[in-house]
Amino acid sequence: MIVKILTEGGEMKPGPVLSQKLGPAGINIGEVIQKVNEATKNFQGLKVPVEIDVDLGTKDFEVKVFSPPVSELLKREIGITKGSGVQKKIYVANASIEQVISVSKTKFPNMLSKSLKSAVKTIVGTCGSLGILIENKTPIEIQEEINQGKYDSEITKEKTETSAEKKAKLDAYFSKVKAEQEKIIQQEQAAKEAAEAEKTTEAAGTATTATEEKAPAKTEEKASVKTPAKEEKKPGKSKK
């Protein structure tokens, strides 16, 4: 029997899934949790896919840990909590190629990629989905440079450490990008508020005009009502 779960690295706790599936089989749940936490302790703070392969005859079990989703690995590597909600417009970080290679090496055993270079290209694609710049460039530009062989040396040497000097330059560049993004967001927000205010003003003007147009109509209606004229008395003949 195989039980699949998604748990936080090193922080698995008793729950209904294990109780319902392993309890009836007579498996020591406490021992399972202990082994899962030990196997996933290097992924603390991340959601980790885990398979528990149970032999119902002997009551033995084996814990298999798979690497977390690429997005989770990238967020931990770069130090962000979430990706961008607006791709190609808002960026949330500026990664180094070494950081991308680091994530690629971690995920490579569980990927269908035939080479680390191919895995790196896949990770770069995920950076695009999350709104992450790489080496001050968009993921699309980095993909093209990888195809041209620009980062072959770093990939071949499996470089995963970013120098402090390079990191500082990447951070400085992203600070400018972030400031420009915030400026654009503020301008768009101001334009949106101005448009809404204009609509409100136009609506109020339309309502006022309609009221003014109705008022004269009522006056004319009243004026058009004729009061019956009194009959004039014709002078009669005077009696002598």
Protein backbone atom coordinates (compact mmCIF):
# COMPACT_ATOMS: atom_id res chain seq x y z
CA MET A 1 0.00 0.00 0.00
CA ILE A 2 1.30 3.44 -0.93
CA VAL A 3 0.18 6.56 0.92
CA LYS A 4 0.96 9.91 -0.74
CA ILE A 5 1.07 13.09 1.31
CA LEU A 6 2.26 16.68 1.00
CA THR A 7 3.83 17.86 4.23
CA GLU A 8 5.96 20.73 5.47
CA GLY A 9 9.58 19.70 5.64
CA GLY A 10 10.55 18.45 9.11
CA GLU A 11 7.21 19.53 10.59
CA MET A 12 4.81 16.66 9.93
CA LYS A 13 2.17 16.15 12.63
CA PRO A 14 -0.51 13.50 13.27
CA GLY A 15 -3.53 13.94 11.05
CA PRO A 16 -6.64 12.21 9.70
CA VAL A 17 -4.93 11.01 6.50
CA LEU A 18 -2.41 8.88 8.36
CA SER A 19 -4.89 7.77 11.01
CA GLN A 20 -7.47 6.61 8.47
CA LYS A 21 -5.02 4.86 6.15
CA LEU A 22 -2.31 3.53 8.45
CA GLY A 23 -4.25 3.05 11.68
CA PRO A 24 -6.42 0.13 10.47
CA ALA A 25 -3.29 -1.52 9.05
CA GLY A 26 -1.68 -1.58 12.48
CA ILE A 27 1.21 0.71 11.52
CA ASN A 28 2.93 2.72 14.23
CA ILE A 29 1.96 6.26 13.18
CA GLY A 30 4.38 7.93 15.60
CA GLU A 31 7.28 6.04 14.03
CA VAL A 32 6.13 7.03 10.53
CA ILE A 33 5.99 10.71 11.48
CA GLN A 34 9.45 10.55 13.03
CA LYS A 35 10.98 9.02 9.89
CA VAL A 36 9.20 11.47 7.56
CA ASN A 37 10.44 14.47 9.58
CA GLU A 38 13.96 13.12 9.59
CA ALA A 39 13.87 12.56 5.83
CA THR A 40 12.46 16.02 5.09
CA LYS A 41 14.35 18.16 7.62
CA ASN A 42 16.46 19.77 4.87
CA PHE A 43 13.29 21.21 3.32
CA GLN A 44 12.04 23.16 6.33
CA GLY A 45 9.55 25.84 5.37
CA LEU A 46 8.66 24.07 2.12
CA LYS A 47 5.85 21.74 1.12
CA VAL A 48 7.36 18.35 0.30
CA PRO A 49 5.75 15.43 -1.58
CA VAL A 50 6.22 12.18 0.35
CA GLU A 51 5.29 8.56 -0.38
CA ILE A 52 4.97 5.97 2.38
CA ASP A 53 5.27 2.45 0.95
CA VAL A 54 3.73 0.03 3.45
CA ASP A 55 4.05 -3.76 3.46
CA LEU A 56 0.77 -4.86 5.03
CA GLY A 57 2.11 -8.35 5.67
CA THR A 58 5.24 -7.45 7.63
CA LYS A 59 4.05 -3.99 8.80
CA ASP A 60 7.32 -2.54 7.50
CA PHE A 61 7.32 0.75 5.61
CA GLU A 62 9.64 2.84 3.49
CA VAL A 63 9.60 6.64 3.23
CA LYS A 64 10.33 8.19 -0.16
CA VAL A 65 10.87 11.94 -0.32
CA PHE A 66 10.54 13.89 -3.54
CA SER A 67 11.89 17.39 -4.05
CA PRO A 68 9.44 20.27 -3.52
CA PRO A 69 7.83 22.02 -6.50
CA VAL A 70 10.21 24.26 -8.49
CA SER A 71 8.31 27.37 -7.45
CA GLU A 72 8.83 26.56 -3.77
CA LEU A 73 12.55 25.91 -4.29
CA LEU A 74 12.98 29.17 -6.17
CA LYS A 75 11.18 31.20 -3.52
CA ARG A 76 13.39 29.76 -0.80
CA GLU A 77 16.59 30.18 -2.81
CA ILE A 78 15.87 33.81 -3.69
CA GLY A 79 14.19 34.76 -0.42
CA ILE A 80 10.69 35.72 -1.53
CA THR A 81 7.32 34.62 -0.20
CA LYS A 82 5.27 34.78 -3.39
CA GLY A 83 5.55 35.37 -7.10
CA SER A 84 4.24 38.21 -9.21
CA GLY A 85 0.54 38.39 -9.91
CA VAL A 86 1.23 40.30 -13.11
CA GLN A 87 3.75 38.51 -15.32
CA LYS A 88 6.01 40.50 -17.65
CA LYS A 89 4.95 43.69 -15.89
CA ILE A 90 5.79 43.35 -12.20
CA TYR A 91 8.99 41.58 -11.10
CA VAL A 92 9.63 40.40 -7.56
CA ALA A 93 13.34 39.55 -7.57
CA ASN A 94 16.58 39.49 -9.54
CA ALA A 95 18.32 36.11 -9.37
CA SER A 96 21.82 35.08 -10.40
CA ILE A 97 22.47 32.26 -12.83
CA GLU A 98 24.19 30.45 -9.94
CA GLN A 99 20.94 30.48 -7.94
CA VAL A 100 19.08 29.04 -10.91
CA ILE A 101 21.71 26.31 -11.26
CA SER A 102 21.38 25.53 -7.54
CA VAL A 103 17.63 24.95 -7.84
CA SER A 104 18.18 22.96 -11.04
CA LYS A 105 20.61 20.60 -9.29
CA THR A 106 18.15 20.03 -6.44
CA LYS A 107 15.27 19.28 -8.77
CA PHE A 108 17.21 17.48 -11.52
CA PRO A 109 16.81 13.91 -10.13
CA ASN A 110 13.02 14.27 -10.31
CA MET A 111 12.90 15.95 -13.71
CA LEU A 112 12.59 14.50 -17.19
CA SER A 113 15.48 16.68 -18.36
CA LYS A 114 18.37 14.74 -19.93
CA SER A 115 21.05 17.22 -18.87
CA LEU A 116 21.61 19.89 -16.26
CA LYS A 117 21.59 22.52 -19.00
CA SER A 118 18.12 21.39 -20.04
CA ALA A 119 17.02 21.47 -16.39
CA VAL A 120 18.34 25.01 -16.04
CA LYS A 121 16.24 26.10 -19.02
CA THR A 122 13.17 24.59 -17.36
CA ILE A 123 13.85 26.44 -14.12
CA VAL A 124 14.34 29.68 -16.08
CA GLY A 125 10.87 29.14 -17.54
CA THR A 126 9.41 28.93 -14.03
CA CYS A 127 11.20 32.17 -13.15
CA GLY A 128 9.19 33.76 -15.93
CA SER A 129 5.94 32.52 -14.39
CA LEU A 130 6.89 33.89 -10.96
CA GLY A 131 8.10 37.25 -12.24
CA ILE A 132 11.80 36.77 -11.45
CA LEU A 133 14.53 38.52 -13.41
CA ILE A 134 17.83 36.71 -13.93
CA GLU A 135 21.14 38.52 -14.31
CA ASN A 136 19.24 41.83 -14.80
CA LYS A 137 17.36 40.36 -17.76
CA THR A 138 14.02 38.75 -18.47
CA PRO A 139 13.82 34.93 -18.46
CA ILE A 140 13.14 34.99 -22.21
CA GLU A 141 16.43 36.80 -22.80
CA ILE A 142 18.27 34.34 -20.53
CA GLN A 143 16.78 31.40 -22.44
CA GLU A 144 18.24 32.79 -25.64
CA GLU A 145 21.64 33.31 -24.01
CA ILE A 146 21.63 29.75 -22.67
CA ASN A 147 20.92 28.46 -26.18
CA GLN A 148 23.86 30.55 -27.40
CA GLY A 149 26.12 28.91 -24.82
CA LYS A 150 26.76 32.00 -22.69
CA TYR A 151 26.43 30.14 -19.38
CA ASP A 152 27.94 26.81 -20.42
CA SER A 153 30.94 27.33 -18.13
CA GLU A 154 28.83 27.95 -15.02
CA ILE A 155 26.51 25.05 -15.81
CA THR A 156 29.36 22.62 -16.56
CA LYS A 157 31.14 23.57 -13.32
CA GLU A 158 27.77 23.40 -11.50
CA LYS A 159 28.40 26.76 -9.86
CA THR A 160 25.86 27.45 -7.14
CA GLU A 161 27.53 30.21 -5.13
CA THR A 162 26.95 33.87 -5.95
CA SER A 163 29.75 36.23 -4.93
CA ALA A 164 28.87 39.05 -2.52
CA GLU A 165 29.97 41.63 -5.10
CA LYS A 166 27.74 40.18 -7.80
CA LYS A 167 24.81 39.87 -5.40
CA ALA A 168 25.18 43.54 -4.44
CA LYS A 169 25.08 44.59 -8.10
CA LEU A 170 22.01 42.47 -8.77
CA ASP A 171 20.26 43.95 -5.74
CA ALA A 172 21.16 47.51 -6.76
CA TYR A 173 19.76 46.96 -10.24
CA PHE A 174 16.55 45.47 -8.87
CA SER A 175 16.11 48.41 -6.49
CA LYS A 176 15.88 50.67 -9.55
CA VAL A 177 13.45 48.29 -11.27
CA LYS A 178 11.30 48.15 -8.14
CA ALA A 179 11.24 51.93 -7.79
CA GLU A 180 10.18 52.32 -11.42
CA GLN A 181 7.47 49.69 -10.98
CA GLU A 182 6.09 51.44 -7.92
CA LYS A 183 6.07 54.74 -9.82
CA ILE A 184 4.10 53.18 -12.68
CA ILE A 185 1.65 51.55 -10.24
CA GLN A 186 1.06 54.91 -8.52
CA GLN A 187 0.48 56.63 -11.88
CA GLU A 188 -1.98 53.95 -12.95
CA GLN A 189 -3.78 54.19 -9.62
CA ALA A 190 -4.00 57.98 -9.91
CA ALA A 191 -5.33 57.68 -13.47
CA LYS A 192 -7.90 55.14 -12.33
CA GLU A 193 -9.08 57.36 -9.49
CA ALA A 194 -9.27 60.36 -11.85
CA ALA A 195 -11.35 58.35 -14.33
CA GLU A 196 -13.72 57.23 -11.57
CA ALA A 197 -14.05 60.81 -10.31
CA GLU A 198 -14.82 62.00 -13.84
CA LYS A 199 -17.52 59.35 -14.22
CA THR A 200 -19.05 60.43 -10.92
CA THR A 201 -19.02 64.07 -12.01
CA GLU A 202 -20.58 63.23 -15.37
CA ALA A 203 -23.29 61.16 -13.69
CA ALA A 204 -24.06 64.01 -11.31
CA GLY A 205 -24.17 66.49 -14.23
CA THR A 206 -26.52 64.26 -16.19
CA ALA A 207 -28.86 63.96 -13.22
CA THR A 208 -28.88 67.75 -12.73
CA THR A 209 -29.60 68.38 -16.42
CA ALA A 210 -32.46 65.90 -16.39
CA THR A 211 -33.98 67.64 -13.37
CA GLU A 212 -33.70 71.06 -14.99
CA GLU A 213 -35.30 69.83 -18.22
CA LYS A 214 -38.26 68.40 -16.33
CA ALA A 215 -39.01 71.61 -14.41
CA PRO A 216 -39.93 73.83 -17.44
CA ALA A 217 -42.08 71.06 -18.86
CA LYS A 218 -44.30 71.14 -15.77
CA THR A 219 -44.61 74.93 -15.97
CA GLU A 220 -45.65 74.80 -19.58
CA GLU A 221 -48.16 72.13 -18.76
CA LYS A 222 -49.71 74.32 -16.09
CA ALA A 223 -49.67 77.32 -18.36
CA SER A 224 -51.45 75.40 -21.08
CA VAL A 225 -54.44 74.71 -18.85
CA LYS A 226 -57.07 77.32 -19.83
CA THR A 227 -59.44 78.78 -17.31
CA PRO A 228 -62.99 78.98 -18.72
CA ALA A 229 -63.81 82.60 -19.60
CA LYS A 230 -66.80 84.24 -17.90
CA GLU A 231 -69.67 84.97 -20.23
CA GLU A 232 -70.06 88.61 -20.94
CA LYS A 233 -73.55 90.04 -20.25
CA LYS A 234 -75.06 91.64 -23.25
CA PRO A 235 -76.78 94.92 -22.52
CA GLY A 236 -80.53 94.43 -22.59
CA LYS A 237 -83.24 96.89 -23.59
CA SER A 238 -84.21 99.17 -20.81
CA LYS A 239 -87.90 99.21 -19.90
CA LYS A 240 -89.60 102.48 -19.85
